[in-house]
Every structure is written in structure tokens, then in C-alpha cells.
Amino acid sequence: MNIPSLLCRLTGTAVLVLALFPLYAQETELFVENVTAEAGGEVAVNVRARGLTSVVGMQFSIAWDTLLLEFVSASELDIPRAMTGFNERALDQGTIGYLAVQNGLEGFSLPDSVVLFTVNFQSLSPHQEVTEIRFDSIPLRIRLTDPENNDVTSLLISGEVTLDGTNG
């Protein structure tokens, strides 16, 4: 067997072996924490994240039912070396946008299940209700990016707010 033939076979074998290995995909998850609160009272809802290690930018919105919850305020995590903020232009439509960009393009180094931000609501119903807080693309579309400006796919998990009160 000659050397060029051997190299060709080894290269082909290496390509086949590498093709069998699954490609690594970053597992990023954003989720809204389930909350139980008193009907007619204040409700604090946390938005959390897992796997934010190779993400340098994220933007998304969350939405709620304006017949059951009224926006009061929002507070965010102080992420080192990052610019963060809220887009509050669509509060009357029941959505708020969140943006975080890591200035050094090194990727966030946040522990799993970290609270990215908390949204405080006033319950508008005195009755027992269950409502969903979900991810939305208004006013900010959902996008997470890595240091090479590639989109990062993220699992988005909605949460429920259970208002304890009298039955309607």
C-alpha cells in the first residue's frame, strides 16, 4: 500500500468518524417562574435563565393579560460589563421588552437559574384566577447571540400566575 492511498483512506475515515459525533449546541433556557399570589394584591414575577455562558446579547419580551394584571415596575439584575434595559413602550398592550448586551463580547458568566429581572404587577381581579406570563416578540423580537454574532437557540418556558381568592 502506498502512502498517498493510506492518507486518502485515513482522511476519509476521520471525516466519517467526526460526522458521527453530534454537533454541540449550547443549551440556553429562559423561563418565567410560576407564582402564587393573593387576588387583588401585588404579584412579583421572576424571569430566569440557565446556560448563559456563551451569549453576549439577548433581547426578548414577555406578555401578560391586561385584564388580570397591571404593570407596576420592573427591576433587573446588574450584569457585570453589560448594558441592560427595558422597552416599556407597549405596557398598555401587556408587554415589556428586555435587552442585555455584554460590552466585552466575552459571553455572560451567570450562574444557572439566575434571576434576570423581576416584573411587579397589581392583580386586577378579586377572584381566583390562573393566567400565563409568556415570551413574546413585541416590542423586542426574541434573539440571543454568541460572540461570533450567530443566533443562539433558546428554550423559552412560559410561567403561570395563580391568584388565590374567592371563586367567581
N, C-alpha and C. Protein backbone atom coordinates (compact mmCIF):
# COMPACT_ATOMS: atom_id res chain seq x y z
N MET A 1 0.85 -1.17 0.00
CA MET A 1 0.00 0.00 0.00
C MET A 1 0.90 1.23 0.00
N ASN A 2 0.61 2.17 -0.86
CA ASN A 2 1.44 3.35 -0.92
C ASN A 2 0.90 4.44 0.02
N ILE A 3 1.73 5.43 0.33
CA ILE A 3 1.40 6.48 1.31
C ILE A 3 0.23 7.35 0.85
N PRO A 4 0.17 7.80 -0.39
CA PRO A 4 -0.99 8.63 -0.79
C PRO A 4 -2.31 7.89 -0.61
N SER A 5 -2.34 6.62 -0.93
CA SER A 5 -3.57 5.84 -0.76
C SER A 5 -3.94 5.72 0.71
N LEU A 6 -2.95 5.50 1.57
CA LEU A 6 -3.19 5.40 3.01
C LEU A 6 -3.72 6.71 3.57
N LEU A 7 -3.11 7.83 3.17
CA LEU A 7 -3.57 9.14 3.64
C LEU A 7 -4.99 9.43 3.20
N CYS A 8 -5.33 9.04 2.00
CA CYS A 8 -6.68 9.24 1.49
C CYS A 8 -7.69 8.45 2.32
N ARG A 9 -7.34 7.19 2.63
CA ARG A 9 -8.24 6.35 3.43
C ARG A 9 -8.37 6.88 4.87
N LEU A 10 -7.27 7.31 5.46
CA LEU A 10 -7.31 7.86 6.82
C LEU A 10 -8.14 9.14 6.89
N THR A 11 -7.99 9.98 5.89
CA THR A 11 -8.76 11.23 5.84
C THR A 11 -10.24 10.92 5.72
N GLY A 12 -10.58 9.99 4.85
CA GLY A 12 -11.99 9.60 4.68
C GLY A 12 -12.56 9.01 5.96
N THR A 13 -11.78 8.16 6.63
CA THR A 13 -12.22 7.56 7.89
C THR A 13 -12.41 8.63 8.96
N ALA A 14 -11.48 9.57 9.04
CA ALA A 14 -11.58 10.65 10.03
C ALA A 14 -12.82 11.50 9.79
N VAL A 15 -13.13 11.80 8.54
CA VAL A 15 -14.32 12.59 8.22
C VAL A 15 -15.58 11.83 8.64
N LEU A 16 -15.63 10.54 8.37
CA LEU A 16 -16.79 9.74 8.75
C LEU A 16 -16.97 9.69 10.27
N VAL A 17 -15.88 9.49 10.99
CA VAL A 17 -15.95 9.43 12.45
C VAL A 17 -16.42 10.75 13.02
N LEU A 18 -15.87 11.85 12.52
CA LEU A 18 -16.28 13.17 13.01
C LEU A 18 -17.74 13.46 12.67
N ALA A 19 -18.22 12.97 11.56
CA ALA A 19 -19.62 13.19 11.18
C ALA A 19 -20.57 12.46 12.11
N LEU A 20 -20.09 11.37 12.73
CA LEU A 20 -20.94 10.61 13.63
C LEU A 20 -21.10 11.28 14.99
N PHE A 21 -20.16 12.14 15.37
CA PHE A 21 -20.27 12.85 16.64
C PHE A 21 -21.33 13.92 16.51
N PRO A 22 -22.24 14.00 17.48
CA PRO A 22 -23.26 15.05 17.40
C PRO A 22 -22.61 16.42 17.57
N LEU A 23 -23.15 17.37 16.86
CA LEU A 23 -22.66 18.73 17.00
C LEU A 23 -23.10 19.28 18.34
N TYR A 24 -22.21 20.01 18.99
CA TYR A 24 -22.52 20.59 20.28
C TYR A 24 -23.37 21.84 20.05
N ALA A 25 -24.48 21.90 20.72
CA ALA A 25 -25.33 23.09 20.67
C ALA A 25 -25.47 23.60 22.09
N GLN A 26 -25.29 24.87 22.23
CA GLN A 26 -25.41 25.47 23.55
C GLN A 26 -26.85 25.29 24.04
N GLU A 27 -26.99 24.87 25.28
CA GLU A 27 -28.32 24.68 25.85
C GLU A 27 -28.64 25.88 26.71
N THR A 28 -29.39 26.81 26.15
CA THR A 28 -29.80 28.01 26.85
C THR A 28 -31.29 27.95 27.08
N GLU A 29 -31.69 28.35 28.25
CA GLU A 29 -33.10 28.29 28.62
C GLU A 29 -33.50 29.58 29.33
N LEU A 30 -34.59 30.16 28.90
CA LEU A 30 -35.19 31.30 29.58
C LEU A 30 -36.55 30.85 30.08
N PHE A 31 -36.85 31.16 31.34
CA PHE A 31 -38.14 30.72 31.85
C PHE A 31 -38.71 31.72 32.84
N VAL A 32 -40.04 31.75 32.87
CA VAL A 32 -40.79 32.59 33.79
C VAL A 32 -41.18 31.70 34.96
N GLU A 33 -40.86 32.16 36.14
CA GLU A 33 -41.14 31.41 37.36
C GLU A 33 -42.65 31.40 37.64
N ASN A 34 -43.17 30.24 38.03
CA ASN A 34 -44.57 30.15 38.45
C ASN A 34 -44.73 30.82 39.80
N VAL A 35 -45.84 31.55 39.96
CA VAL A 35 -46.05 32.34 41.17
C VAL A 35 -47.49 32.14 41.65
N THR A 36 -47.64 32.08 42.96
CA THR A 36 -48.96 32.12 43.57
C THR A 36 -49.02 33.36 44.43
N ALA A 37 -50.07 34.16 44.25
CA ALA A 37 -50.22 35.41 44.98
C ALA A 37 -51.68 35.61 45.35
N GLU A 38 -51.93 36.57 46.23
CA GLU A 38 -53.28 36.88 46.66
C GLU A 38 -54.00 37.69 45.60
N ALA A 39 -55.21 37.28 45.26
CA ALA A 39 -56.01 38.03 44.29
C ALA A 39 -56.26 39.42 44.85
N GLY A 40 -56.13 40.43 44.01
CA GLY A 40 -56.29 41.81 44.43
C GLY A 40 -55.03 42.42 45.02
N GLY A 41 -53.95 41.63 45.15
CA GLY A 41 -52.71 42.11 45.74
C GLY A 41 -51.61 42.27 44.72
N GLU A 42 -50.39 42.49 45.22
CA GLU A 42 -49.24 42.63 44.34
C GLU A 42 -48.68 41.26 43.98
N VAL A 43 -48.11 41.19 42.78
CA VAL A 43 -47.54 39.95 42.26
C VAL A 43 -46.15 40.26 41.72
N ALA A 44 -45.13 39.52 42.18
CA ALA A 44 -43.77 39.67 41.67
C ALA A 44 -43.42 38.43 40.86
N VAL A 45 -43.07 38.63 39.58
CA VAL A 45 -42.77 37.53 38.67
C VAL A 45 -41.31 37.61 38.25
N ASN A 46 -40.55 36.53 38.48
CA ASN A 46 -39.14 36.47 38.10
C ASN A 46 -38.97 35.82 36.73
N VAL A 47 -38.08 36.39 35.93
CA VAL A 47 -37.67 35.76 34.67
C VAL A 47 -36.24 35.29 34.89
N ARG A 48 -36.01 34.00 34.70
CA ARG A 48 -34.72 33.38 35.00
C ARG A 48 -34.08 32.81 33.74
N ALA A 49 -32.78 32.47 33.87
CA ALA A 49 -32.04 31.90 32.74
C ALA A 49 -31.11 30.79 33.22
N ARG A 50 -30.89 29.85 32.31
CA ARG A 50 -29.90 28.78 32.51
C ARG A 50 -29.02 28.73 31.27
N GLY A 51 -27.76 28.44 31.47
CA GLY A 51 -26.85 28.21 30.35
C GLY A 51 -26.40 29.47 29.62
N LEU A 52 -26.37 30.60 30.30
CA LEU A 52 -25.91 31.83 29.66
C LEU A 52 -24.40 31.98 29.85
N THR A 53 -23.65 31.18 29.11
CA THR A 53 -22.19 31.25 29.22
C THR A 53 -21.53 31.74 27.95
N SER A 54 -22.11 31.46 26.80
CA SER A 54 -21.53 31.91 25.53
C SER A 54 -22.48 32.84 24.80
N VAL A 55 -23.27 33.56 25.55
CA VAL A 55 -24.21 34.52 24.98
C VAL A 55 -23.71 35.92 25.30
N VAL A 56 -23.62 36.77 24.29
CA VAL A 56 -23.16 38.14 24.51
C VAL A 56 -24.29 39.16 24.38
N GLY A 57 -25.41 38.74 23.83
CA GLY A 57 -26.53 39.65 23.70
C GLY A 57 -27.84 38.89 23.70
N MET A 58 -28.84 39.49 24.31
CA MET A 58 -30.16 38.88 24.28
C MET A 58 -31.21 39.98 24.32
N GLN A 59 -32.27 39.73 23.60
CA GLN A 59 -33.42 40.62 23.64
C GLN A 59 -34.66 39.77 23.48
N PHE A 60 -35.67 40.09 24.24
CA PHE A 60 -36.93 39.38 24.17
C PHE A 60 -37.97 40.20 24.93
N SER A 61 -39.20 39.79 24.81
CA SER A 61 -40.28 40.45 25.52
C SER A 61 -41.09 39.40 26.26
N ILE A 62 -41.78 39.86 27.29
CA ILE A 62 -42.76 38.99 27.95
C ILE A 62 -44.11 39.69 27.88
N ALA A 63 -45.16 38.89 27.93
CA ALA A 63 -46.52 39.42 27.79
C ALA A 63 -47.42 38.85 28.87
N TRP A 64 -48.48 39.60 29.20
CA TRP A 64 -49.43 39.19 30.23
C TRP A 64 -50.82 39.67 29.84
N ASP A 65 -51.81 39.19 30.56
CA ASP A 65 -53.21 39.55 30.34
C ASP A 65 -53.50 40.85 31.08
N THR A 66 -53.78 41.91 30.34
CA THR A 66 -54.01 43.22 30.95
C THR A 66 -55.35 43.31 31.67
N LEU A 67 -56.22 42.32 31.48
CA LEU A 67 -57.48 42.31 32.22
C LEU A 67 -57.29 41.76 33.64
N LEU A 68 -56.20 41.04 33.85
CA LEU A 68 -55.95 40.44 35.16
C LEU A 68 -54.78 41.07 35.90
N LEU A 69 -53.79 41.59 35.16
CA LEU A 69 -52.59 42.13 35.79
C LEU A 69 -52.28 43.52 35.24
N GLU A 70 -51.90 44.43 36.12
CA GLU A 70 -51.48 45.76 35.71
C GLU A 70 -50.01 45.94 36.09
N PHE A 71 -49.20 46.39 35.13
CA PHE A 71 -47.78 46.61 35.34
C PHE A 71 -47.57 47.70 36.40
N VAL A 72 -46.64 47.42 37.35
CA VAL A 72 -46.28 48.40 38.37
C VAL A 72 -44.84 48.86 38.17
N SER A 73 -43.90 47.90 38.11
CA SER A 73 -42.49 48.24 37.95
C SER A 73 -41.71 47.01 37.50
N ALA A 74 -40.46 47.26 37.12
CA ALA A 74 -39.55 46.17 36.75
C ALA A 74 -38.17 46.50 37.29
N SER A 75 -37.48 45.49 37.79
CA SER A 75 -36.11 45.66 38.27
C SER A 75 -35.26 44.56 37.66
N GLU A 76 -34.00 44.89 37.38
CA GLU A 76 -33.15 43.94 36.66
C GLU A 76 -31.89 43.62 37.43
N LEU A 77 -31.29 42.50 37.07
CA LEU A 77 -30.01 42.08 37.61
C LEU A 77 -28.92 42.99 37.06
N ASP A 78 -28.00 43.37 37.89
CA ASP A 78 -26.84 44.14 37.44
C ASP A 78 -25.81 43.15 36.91
N ILE A 79 -25.77 42.99 35.60
CA ILE A 79 -24.85 42.05 34.98
C ILE A 79 -23.52 42.77 34.76
N PRO A 80 -22.42 42.25 35.31
CA PRO A 80 -21.12 42.91 35.14
C PRO A 80 -20.76 43.10 33.67
N ARG A 81 -20.23 44.27 33.32
CA ARG A 81 -19.77 44.63 31.99
C ARG A 81 -20.86 44.48 30.93
N ALA A 82 -22.10 44.76 31.31
CA ALA A 82 -23.20 44.64 30.35
C ALA A 82 -24.12 45.86 30.44
N MET A 83 -24.67 46.20 29.31
CA MET A 83 -25.71 47.22 29.26
C MET A 83 -27.04 46.48 29.24
N THR A 84 -27.94 46.87 30.13
CA THR A 84 -29.25 46.24 30.20
C THR A 84 -30.32 47.32 30.25
N GLY A 85 -31.52 46.95 29.91
CA GLY A 85 -32.61 47.91 29.99
C GLY A 85 -33.93 47.32 29.53
N PHE A 86 -34.97 48.11 29.73
CA PHE A 86 -36.32 47.70 29.38
C PHE A 86 -36.88 48.61 28.30
N ASN A 87 -37.71 48.05 27.45
CA ASN A 87 -38.50 48.80 26.50
C ASN A 87 -39.93 48.76 27.02
N GLU A 88 -40.41 49.90 27.51
CA GLU A 88 -41.72 49.97 28.16
C GLU A 88 -42.78 50.63 27.27
N ARG A 89 -42.56 50.67 25.97
CA ARG A 89 -43.49 51.35 25.07
C ARG A 89 -44.82 50.64 24.89
N ALA A 90 -44.91 49.37 25.19
CA ALA A 90 -46.15 48.62 24.95
C ALA A 90 -46.77 48.09 26.24
N LEU A 91 -46.55 48.78 27.35
CA LEU A 91 -47.10 48.33 28.63
C LEU A 91 -48.62 48.26 28.59
N ASP A 92 -49.26 49.22 27.92
CA ASP A 92 -50.72 49.22 27.84
C ASP A 92 -51.25 48.04 27.02
N GLN A 93 -50.40 47.42 26.23
CA GLN A 93 -50.77 46.22 25.46
C GLN A 93 -50.38 44.94 26.20
N GLY A 94 -49.77 45.08 27.36
CA GLY A 94 -49.39 43.92 28.16
C GLY A 94 -48.09 43.28 27.76
N THR A 95 -47.10 44.07 27.31
CA THR A 95 -45.78 43.52 27.01
C THR A 95 -44.70 44.48 27.47
N ILE A 96 -43.55 43.91 27.82
CA ILE A 96 -42.36 44.68 28.16
C ILE A 96 -41.17 43.99 27.51
N GLY A 97 -40.27 44.78 26.93
CA GLY A 97 -39.08 44.23 26.29
C GLY A 97 -37.89 44.31 27.22
N TYR A 98 -36.96 43.38 27.07
CA TYR A 98 -35.73 43.35 27.87
C TYR A 98 -34.55 43.18 26.92
N LEU A 99 -33.47 43.93 27.19
CA LEU A 99 -32.28 43.88 26.38
C LEU A 99 -31.05 43.82 27.28
N ALA A 100 -30.12 42.94 26.95
CA ALA A 100 -28.83 42.86 27.66
C ALA A 100 -27.75 42.59 26.64
N VAL A 101 -26.69 43.42 26.66
CA VAL A 101 -25.56 43.26 25.75
C VAL A 101 -24.29 43.33 26.58
N GLN A 102 -23.44 42.31 26.45
CA GLN A 102 -22.19 42.24 27.18
C GLN A 102 -21.15 43.02 26.40
N ASN A 103 -20.61 44.08 26.98
CA ASN A 103 -19.71 45.00 26.26
C ASN A 103 -18.44 44.37 25.73
N GLY A 104 -17.83 43.45 26.45
CA GLY A 104 -16.55 42.87 26.03
C GLY A 104 -16.67 41.74 25.04
N LEU A 105 -17.88 41.35 24.69
CA LEU A 105 -18.14 40.25 23.75
C LEU A 105 -17.48 38.95 24.19
N GLU A 106 -17.38 38.75 25.49
CA GLU A 106 -16.78 37.53 26.04
C GLU A 106 -17.83 36.49 26.41
N GLY A 107 -19.06 36.89 26.51
CA GLY A 107 -20.12 35.98 26.94
C GLY A 107 -20.44 36.16 28.40
N PHE A 108 -21.70 36.06 28.71
CA PHE A 108 -22.14 36.19 30.10
C PHE A 108 -21.59 35.03 30.92
N SER A 109 -21.28 35.29 32.14
CA SER A 109 -20.87 34.25 33.08
C SER A 109 -21.83 34.28 34.25
N LEU A 110 -23.04 33.82 34.00
CA LEU A 110 -24.09 33.89 35.01
C LEU A 110 -24.41 32.49 35.52
N PRO A 111 -24.64 32.36 36.81
CA PRO A 111 -24.99 31.04 37.35
C PRO A 111 -26.36 30.58 36.82
N ASP A 112 -26.54 29.28 36.76
CA ASP A 112 -27.82 28.75 36.33
C ASP A 112 -28.94 29.18 37.27
N SER A 113 -30.10 29.39 36.68
CA SER A 113 -31.32 29.82 37.38
C SER A 113 -31.22 31.24 37.94
N VAL A 114 -30.31 32.05 37.41
CA VAL A 114 -30.17 33.42 37.85
C VAL A 114 -31.43 34.21 37.46
N VAL A 115 -31.84 35.13 38.32
CA VAL A 115 -32.97 36.00 38.02
C VAL A 115 -32.47 37.14 37.15
N LEU A 116 -32.91 37.20 35.90
CA LEU A 116 -32.52 38.29 35.01
C LEU A 116 -33.25 39.58 35.39
N PHE A 117 -34.54 39.44 35.64
CA PHE A 117 -35.31 40.59 36.08
C PHE A 117 -36.60 40.14 36.75
N THR A 118 -37.21 41.07 37.47
CA THR A 118 -38.46 40.84 38.16
C THR A 118 -39.46 41.90 37.69
N VAL A 119 -40.65 41.46 37.36
CA VAL A 119 -41.72 42.38 36.98
C VAL A 119 -42.77 42.33 38.08
N ASN A 120 -43.13 43.50 38.57
CA ASN A 120 -44.14 43.61 39.62
C ASN A 120 -45.47 44.06 39.00
N PHE A 121 -46.52 43.36 39.39
CA PHE A 121 -47.86 43.64 38.89
C PHE A 121 -48.80 43.90 40.06
N GLN A 122 -49.92 44.51 39.74
CA GLN A 122 -51.05 44.62 40.66
C GLN A 122 -52.14 43.74 40.08
N SER A 123 -52.67 42.83 40.89
CA SER A 123 -53.76 41.97 40.43
C SER A 123 -55.02 42.82 40.32
N LEU A 124 -55.73 42.69 39.22
CA LEU A 124 -56.95 43.46 38.98
C LEU A 124 -58.21 42.68 39.32
N SER A 125 -58.05 41.44 39.67
CA SER A 125 -59.20 40.59 39.95
C SER A 125 -59.23 40.19 41.42
N PRO A 126 -60.39 40.28 42.06
CA PRO A 126 -60.50 39.80 43.44
C PRO A 126 -60.80 38.30 43.50
N HIS A 127 -60.94 37.68 42.33
CA HIS A 127 -61.33 36.28 42.25
C HIS A 127 -60.14 35.37 41.96
N GLN A 128 -60.36 34.11 42.21
CA GLN A 128 -59.33 33.11 41.92
C GLN A 128 -59.17 33.01 40.41
N GLU A 129 -57.94 33.16 39.94
CA GLU A 129 -57.66 33.12 38.50
C GLU A 129 -56.29 32.47 38.28
N VAL A 130 -56.09 31.95 37.09
CA VAL A 130 -54.78 31.48 36.65
C VAL A 130 -54.52 32.14 35.30
N THR A 131 -53.36 32.77 35.16
CA THR A 131 -53.03 33.44 33.91
C THR A 131 -51.58 33.14 33.55
N GLU A 132 -51.28 33.27 32.27
CA GLU A 132 -49.95 32.93 31.76
C GLU A 132 -49.11 34.19 31.53
N ILE A 133 -47.84 34.09 31.89
CA ILE A 133 -46.85 35.09 31.51
C ILE A 133 -45.98 34.38 30.46
N ARG A 134 -45.96 34.90 29.25
CA ARG A 134 -45.32 34.19 28.14
C ARG A 134 -44.29 35.07 27.44
N PHE A 135 -43.42 34.45 26.68
CA PHE A 135 -42.45 35.17 25.88
C PHE A 135 -43.13 35.65 24.61
N ASP A 136 -42.73 36.84 24.17
CA ASP A 136 -43.38 37.46 23.02
C ASP A 136 -42.31 38.18 22.20
N SER A 137 -42.66 38.58 21.00
CA SER A 137 -41.70 39.29 20.15
C SER A 137 -42.08 40.76 19.97
N ILE A 138 -42.98 41.27 20.80
CA ILE A 138 -43.36 42.69 20.75
C ILE A 138 -43.10 43.27 22.12
N PRO A 139 -42.41 44.33 22.33
CA PRO A 139 -41.83 45.24 21.34
C PRO A 139 -40.45 44.80 20.85
N LEU A 140 -39.81 43.83 21.50
CA LEU A 140 -38.49 43.35 21.05
C LEU A 140 -38.61 41.91 20.61
N ARG A 141 -38.14 41.62 19.40
CA ARG A 141 -38.19 40.23 18.93
C ARG A 141 -37.21 39.39 19.73
N ILE A 142 -37.45 38.12 19.79
CA ILE A 142 -36.63 37.20 20.58
C ILE A 142 -35.35 36.91 19.82
N ARG A 143 -34.21 37.23 20.44
CA ARG A 143 -32.92 36.96 19.81
C ARG A 143 -31.85 36.85 20.87
N LEU A 144 -31.04 35.80 20.80
CA LEU A 144 -29.85 35.62 21.61
C LEU A 144 -28.70 35.40 20.65
N THR A 145 -27.53 36.01 20.92
CA THR A 145 -26.38 35.88 20.03
C THR A 145 -25.13 35.48 20.79
N ASP A 146 -24.24 34.80 20.09
CA ASP A 146 -22.95 34.39 20.67
C ASP A 146 -21.88 35.40 20.26
N PRO A 147 -20.63 35.22 20.71
CA PRO A 147 -19.56 36.18 20.38
C PRO A 147 -19.29 36.35 18.88
N GLU A 148 -19.66 35.38 18.05
CA GLU A 148 -19.46 35.49 16.60
C GLU A 148 -20.70 36.04 15.91
N ASN A 149 -21.65 36.56 16.67
CA ASN A 149 -22.90 37.13 16.18
C ASN A 149 -23.81 36.10 15.52
N ASN A 150 -23.68 34.84 15.94
CA ASN A 150 -24.59 33.78 15.48
C ASN A 150 -25.77 33.71 16.44
N ASP A 151 -26.92 33.37 15.90
CA ASP A 151 -28.09 33.20 16.75
C ASP A 151 -27.93 31.98 17.64
N VAL A 152 -28.34 32.10 18.88
CA VAL A 152 -28.33 31.00 19.84
C VAL A 152 -29.78 30.60 20.08
N THR A 153 -30.08 29.34 19.82
CA THR A 153 -31.43 28.85 20.05
C THR A 153 -31.63 28.66 21.54
N SER A 154 -32.76 29.13 22.01
CA SER A 154 -33.05 29.03 23.44
C SER A 154 -34.42 28.42 23.65
N LEU A 155 -34.52 27.59 24.67
CA LEU A 155 -35.80 27.05 25.07
C LEU A 155 -36.49 28.13 25.89
N LEU A 156 -37.71 28.49 25.52
CA LEU A 156 -38.48 29.52 26.21
C LEU A 156 -39.66 28.87 26.91
N ILE A 157 -39.72 29.04 28.22
CA ILE A 157 -40.77 28.39 29.01
C ILE A 157 -41.61 29.45 29.70
N SER A 158 -42.89 29.46 29.36
CA SER A 158 -43.83 30.40 29.99
C SER A 158 -44.08 29.99 31.43
N GLY A 159 -44.61 30.93 32.20
CA GLY A 159 -44.94 30.65 33.59
C GLY A 159 -46.40 30.98 33.87
N GLU A 160 -46.87 30.55 35.02
CA GLU A 160 -48.26 30.81 35.41
C GLU A 160 -48.30 31.64 36.68
N VAL A 161 -49.26 32.53 36.73
CA VAL A 161 -49.56 33.27 37.94
C VAL A 161 -50.90 32.75 38.42
N THR A 162 -50.91 32.21 39.63
CA THR A 162 -52.13 31.73 40.24
C THR A 162 -52.54 32.75 41.30
N LEU A 163 -53.71 33.33 41.11
CA LEU A 163 -54.24 34.29 42.07
C LEU A 163 -55.21 33.58 42.98
N ASP A 164 -54.89 33.53 44.27
CA ASP A 164 -55.77 32.89 45.26
C ASP A 164 -56.79 33.90 45.73
N GLY A 165 -58.04 33.55 45.65
CA GLY A 165 -59.11 34.44 46.11
C GLY A 165 -60.41 33.68 46.12
N THR A 166 -61.49 34.39 46.14
CA THR A 166 -62.80 33.75 46.15
C THR A 166 -63.12 33.25 44.75
N ASN A 167 -63.89 32.20 44.68
CA ASN A 167 -64.34 31.69 43.38
C ASN A 167 -65.32 32.67 42.78
N GLY A 168 -65.20 32.90 41.46
CA GLY A 168 -66.04 33.87 40.76
C GLY A 168 -67.47 33.46 40.73
